[in-house]
Protein backbone atom coordinates (compact mmCIF):
# COMPACT_ATOMS: atom_id res chain seq x y z
CA MET A 1 0.00 0.00 0.00
CA GLN A 2 1.25 3.47 -0.86
CA THR A 3 -0.08 6.72 0.54
CA LEU A 4 0.67 10.16 -0.86
CA VAL A 5 -0.31 13.13 1.30
CA TRP A 6 -0.35 16.80 0.30
CA LYS A 7 -0.58 19.35 3.12
CA GLN A 8 -2.67 22.44 2.45
CA ALA A 9 -2.27 25.89 3.97
CA ASN A 10 -5.46 25.42 6.03
CA ALA A 11 -3.97 22.30 7.71
CA GLU A 12 -6.26 19.96 5.75
CA SER A 13 -4.60 17.01 4.02
CA LEU A 14 -5.27 15.60 0.58
CA ARG A 15 -4.60 11.89 0.64
CA TYR A 16 -4.24 9.38 -2.19
CA VAL A 17 -4.07 5.73 -1.10
CA ARG A 18 -3.13 3.09 -3.61
CA ARG A 19 -3.21 -0.63 -3.03
CA THR A 20 -1.60 -2.80 -5.71
CA GLN A 21 0.52 -5.91 -5.94
CA VAL A 22 2.96 -4.71 -8.62
CA SER A 23 3.64 -1.13 -9.64
CA ALA A 24 6.15 1.56 -10.55
CA GLY A 25 5.32 3.45 -7.37
CA PRO A 26 3.91 6.98 -7.15
CA LEU A 27 5.04 7.68 -10.71
CA ASP A 28 2.09 5.55 -11.84
CA LEU A 29 -0.06 8.60 -11.05
CA LEU A 30 1.50 10.33 -14.05
CA ALA A 31 0.40 7.53 -16.37
CA LEU A 32 -3.34 7.79 -15.64
CA ARG A 33 -5.16 8.22 -18.94
CA GLY A 34 -8.39 10.13 -19.20
CA PHE A 35 -8.13 11.31 -15.60
CA THR A 36 -9.24 14.86 -14.94
CA LEU A 37 -9.64 16.67 -11.66
CA PRO A 38 -13.08 18.11 -10.96
CA GLU A 39 -13.13 21.83 -11.71
CA ARG A 40 -14.97 22.57 -8.46
CA ILE A 41 -11.93 21.81 -6.28
CA PHE A 42 -10.09 24.91 -7.42
CA ILE A 43 -12.90 27.51 -7.53
CA VAL A 44 -12.43 30.07 -4.77
CA GLY A 45 -13.60 33.62 -4.27
CA LYS A 46 -11.35 36.67 -3.97
CA ASN A 47 -11.22 36.33 -0.18
CA GLY A 48 -10.28 32.65 -0.38
CA ALA A 49 -13.79 31.37 0.36
CA THR A 50 -15.39 28.85 -1.95
CA SER A 51 -18.15 30.13 -4.17
CA PRO A 52 -21.64 28.61 -3.81
CA LEU A 53 -22.49 25.55 -5.88
CA PRO A 54 -24.56 26.14 -9.02
CA GLN A 55 -28.23 25.22 -8.47
CA ASP A 56 -28.05 22.13 -10.72
CA MET A 57 -25.23 20.66 -8.59
CA ARG A 58 -26.99 21.04 -5.22
CA SER A 59 -28.53 18.08 -3.41
CA PRO A 60 -32.32 17.89 -3.46
């Protein structure tokens, strides 16, 4: 099992845990095809606060 952790300025951690039998290690992350990060992760307002979700993305 491999765990990659990124520390953020607000003390929150982003964690990626990978469980495989055979691999090239963390460099396998670079080989992911068709992987895209959700745009919503990086949308912040001018004061650093997240902007509200669009209506169509809100839970009923």
